[in-house]
Amino acid sequence: MYKYEIILYWSEDDQAYVAEAPLKNSQDAIGLWIDTAKAHGDPVPEPKGRRLIFA
């Protein structure tokens, strides 16, 4: 079994729980999830929120 850190918190703005997984390749993971969801006909929500820019 693999163990990864997950940060779970309540978002007042979204009125929902949010889970964050601080992964080194998180953008790759997001892209793979979107590709898989589309391949299975699952809905993909529009992106929203803050975009972090690293120098």
N, C-alpha and C. Protein backbone atom coordinates (compact mmCIF):
# COMPACT_ATOMS: atom_id res chain seq x y z
N MET A 1 0.85 -1.18 0.00
CA MET A 1 0.00 0.00 0.00
C MET A 1 0.89 1.24 0.00
N TYR A 2 0.51 2.20 -0.83
CA TYR A 2 1.25 3.45 -0.89
C TYR A 2 0.61 4.45 0.06
N LYS A 3 1.44 5.25 0.70
CA LYS A 3 0.93 6.27 1.62
C LYS A 3 1.40 7.63 1.15
N TYR A 4 0.43 8.52 0.90
CA TYR A 4 0.72 9.87 0.47
C TYR A 4 -0.01 10.84 1.39
N GLU A 5 0.58 12.00 1.59
CA GLU A 5 -0.07 13.03 2.41
C GLU A 5 -1.24 13.63 1.65
N ILE A 6 -2.35 13.79 2.33
CA ILE A 6 -3.52 14.47 1.78
C ILE A 6 -3.98 15.50 2.81
N ILE A 7 -4.17 16.71 2.35
CA ILE A 7 -4.65 17.79 3.21
C ILE A 7 -6.14 17.98 2.91
N LEU A 8 -6.98 17.81 3.91
CA LEU A 8 -8.43 17.88 3.74
C LEU A 8 -8.96 19.05 4.57
N TYR A 9 -9.77 19.90 3.93
CA TYR A 9 -10.35 21.03 4.66
C TYR A 9 -11.69 21.43 4.04
N TRP A 10 -12.47 22.17 4.82
CA TRP A 10 -13.77 22.68 4.37
C TRP A 10 -13.58 24.02 3.68
N SER A 11 -14.17 24.19 2.51
CA SER A 11 -14.11 25.45 1.78
C SER A 11 -15.44 26.17 1.91
N GLU A 12 -15.42 27.30 2.58
CA GLU A 12 -16.65 28.11 2.71
C GLU A 12 -17.12 28.59 1.34
N ASP A 13 -16.18 28.98 0.46
CA ASP A 13 -16.54 29.47 -0.87
C ASP A 13 -17.28 28.42 -1.69
N ASP A 14 -16.81 27.18 -1.63
CA ASP A 14 -17.40 26.10 -2.42
C ASP A 14 -18.47 25.32 -1.67
N GLN A 15 -18.55 25.52 -0.35
CA GLN A 15 -19.46 24.75 0.49
C GLN A 15 -19.24 23.25 0.28
N ALA A 16 -17.96 22.88 0.30
CA ALA A 16 -17.59 21.48 0.07
C ALA A 16 -16.23 21.22 0.71
N TYR A 17 -15.94 19.95 0.93
CA TYR A 17 -14.61 19.58 1.39
C TYR A 17 -13.66 19.58 0.20
N VAL A 18 -12.44 20.00 0.44
CA VAL A 18 -11.40 20.04 -0.58
C VAL A 18 -10.25 19.17 -0.11
N ALA A 19 -9.72 18.37 -1.02
CA ALA A 19 -8.56 17.53 -0.70
C ALA A 19 -7.40 17.98 -1.57
N GLU A 20 -6.27 18.20 -0.95
CA GLU A 20 -5.06 18.57 -1.67
C GLU A 20 -4.01 17.49 -1.44
N ALA A 21 -3.33 17.13 -2.50
CA ALA A 21 -2.25 16.16 -2.40
C ALA A 21 -0.98 16.84 -2.89
N PRO A 22 -0.09 17.20 -1.97
CA PRO A 22 1.12 17.91 -2.36
C PRO A 22 2.13 16.97 -3.05
N LEU A 23 1.94 16.81 -4.36
CA LEU A 23 2.80 15.92 -5.13
C LEU A 23 3.73 16.75 -6.01
N LYS A 24 4.90 16.24 -6.21
CA LYS A 24 5.90 16.93 -7.02
C LYS A 24 5.40 17.12 -8.46
N ASN A 25 4.72 16.14 -8.99
CA ASN A 25 4.23 16.19 -10.37
C ASN A 25 2.72 16.34 -10.41
N SER A 26 2.19 17.23 -9.61
CA SER A 26 0.74 17.35 -9.49
C SER A 26 0.07 17.74 -10.81
N GLN A 27 0.70 18.57 -11.62
CA GLN A 27 0.11 18.94 -12.90
C GLN A 27 -0.01 17.72 -13.82
N ASP A 28 0.98 16.82 -13.77
CA ASP A 28 0.89 15.59 -14.55
C ASP A 28 -0.28 14.73 -14.05
N ALA A 29 -0.43 14.64 -12.73
CA ALA A 29 -1.51 13.86 -12.14
C ALA A 29 -2.87 14.43 -12.54
N ILE A 30 -2.99 15.74 -12.53
CA ILE A 30 -4.25 16.38 -12.92
C ILE A 30 -4.56 16.08 -14.38
N GLY A 31 -3.55 16.20 -15.25
CA GLY A 31 -3.75 15.92 -16.66
C GLY A 31 -4.18 14.49 -16.91
N LEU A 32 -3.56 13.54 -16.21
CA LEU A 32 -3.93 12.14 -16.36
C LEU A 32 -5.35 11.89 -15.88
N TRP A 33 -5.73 12.55 -14.77
CA TRP A 33 -7.10 12.38 -14.27
C TRP A 33 -8.10 12.92 -15.29
N ILE A 34 -7.82 14.10 -15.87
CA ILE A 34 -8.73 14.68 -16.86
C ILE A 34 -8.84 13.77 -18.08
N ASP A 35 -7.71 13.26 -18.57
CA ASP A 35 -7.74 12.35 -19.73
C ASP A 35 -8.57 11.10 -19.43
N THR A 36 -8.40 10.54 -18.24
CA THR A 36 -9.14 9.34 -17.85
C THR A 36 -10.63 9.63 -17.72
N ALA A 37 -10.97 10.76 -17.10
CA ALA A 37 -12.38 11.13 -16.95
C ALA A 37 -13.04 11.30 -18.32
N LYS A 38 -12.36 11.99 -19.22
CA LYS A 38 -12.92 12.18 -20.57
C LYS A 38 -13.09 10.86 -21.30
N ALA A 39 -12.10 9.97 -21.16
CA ALA A 39 -12.16 8.66 -21.83
C ALA A 39 -13.35 7.84 -21.35
N HIS A 40 -13.76 8.05 -20.10
CA HIS A 40 -14.89 7.30 -19.53
C HIS A 40 -16.20 8.08 -19.61
N GLY A 41 -16.16 9.27 -20.21
CA GLY A 41 -17.37 10.07 -20.34
C GLY A 41 -17.79 10.76 -19.05
N ASP A 42 -16.87 10.86 -18.09
CA ASP A 42 -17.17 11.53 -16.83
C ASP A 42 -17.01 13.04 -16.99
N PRO A 43 -17.80 13.82 -16.25
CA PRO A 43 -17.69 15.27 -16.36
C PRO A 43 -16.38 15.78 -15.76
N VAL A 44 -15.84 16.81 -16.39
CA VAL A 44 -14.63 17.47 -15.90
C VAL A 44 -15.01 18.91 -15.58
N PRO A 45 -14.89 19.33 -14.30
CA PRO A 45 -15.28 20.69 -13.95
C PRO A 45 -14.34 21.72 -14.57
N GLU A 46 -14.88 22.91 -14.80
CA GLU A 46 -14.06 24.01 -15.30
C GLU A 46 -13.03 24.39 -14.23
N PRO A 47 -11.82 24.73 -14.64
CA PRO A 47 -10.81 25.15 -13.66
C PRO A 47 -11.23 26.45 -12.98
N LYS A 48 -10.88 26.57 -11.71
CA LYS A 48 -11.16 27.81 -10.98
C LYS A 48 -10.18 27.91 -9.84
N GLY A 49 -10.18 29.01 -9.18
CA GLY A 49 -9.29 29.20 -8.05
C GLY A 49 -8.02 29.93 -8.43
N ARG A 50 -7.10 29.91 -7.52
CA ARG A 50 -5.85 30.63 -7.71
C ARG A 50 -4.87 29.81 -8.55
N ARG A 51 -4.07 30.48 -9.31
CA ARG A 51 -2.99 29.82 -10.01
C ARG A 51 -1.70 30.32 -9.40
N LEU A 52 -0.90 29.39 -8.94
CA LEU A 52 0.37 29.75 -8.33
C LEU A 52 1.45 29.79 -9.40
N ILE A 53 2.22 30.85 -9.38
CA ILE A 53 3.30 31.01 -10.35
C ILE A 53 4.62 30.99 -9.58
N PHE A 54 5.48 30.11 -9.97
CA PHE A 54 6.78 29.98 -9.31
C PHE A 54 7.84 30.59 -10.20
N ALA A 55 8.71 31.37 -9.61
CA ALA A 55 9.79 32.03 -10.38
C ALA A 55 10.95 31.08 -10.58
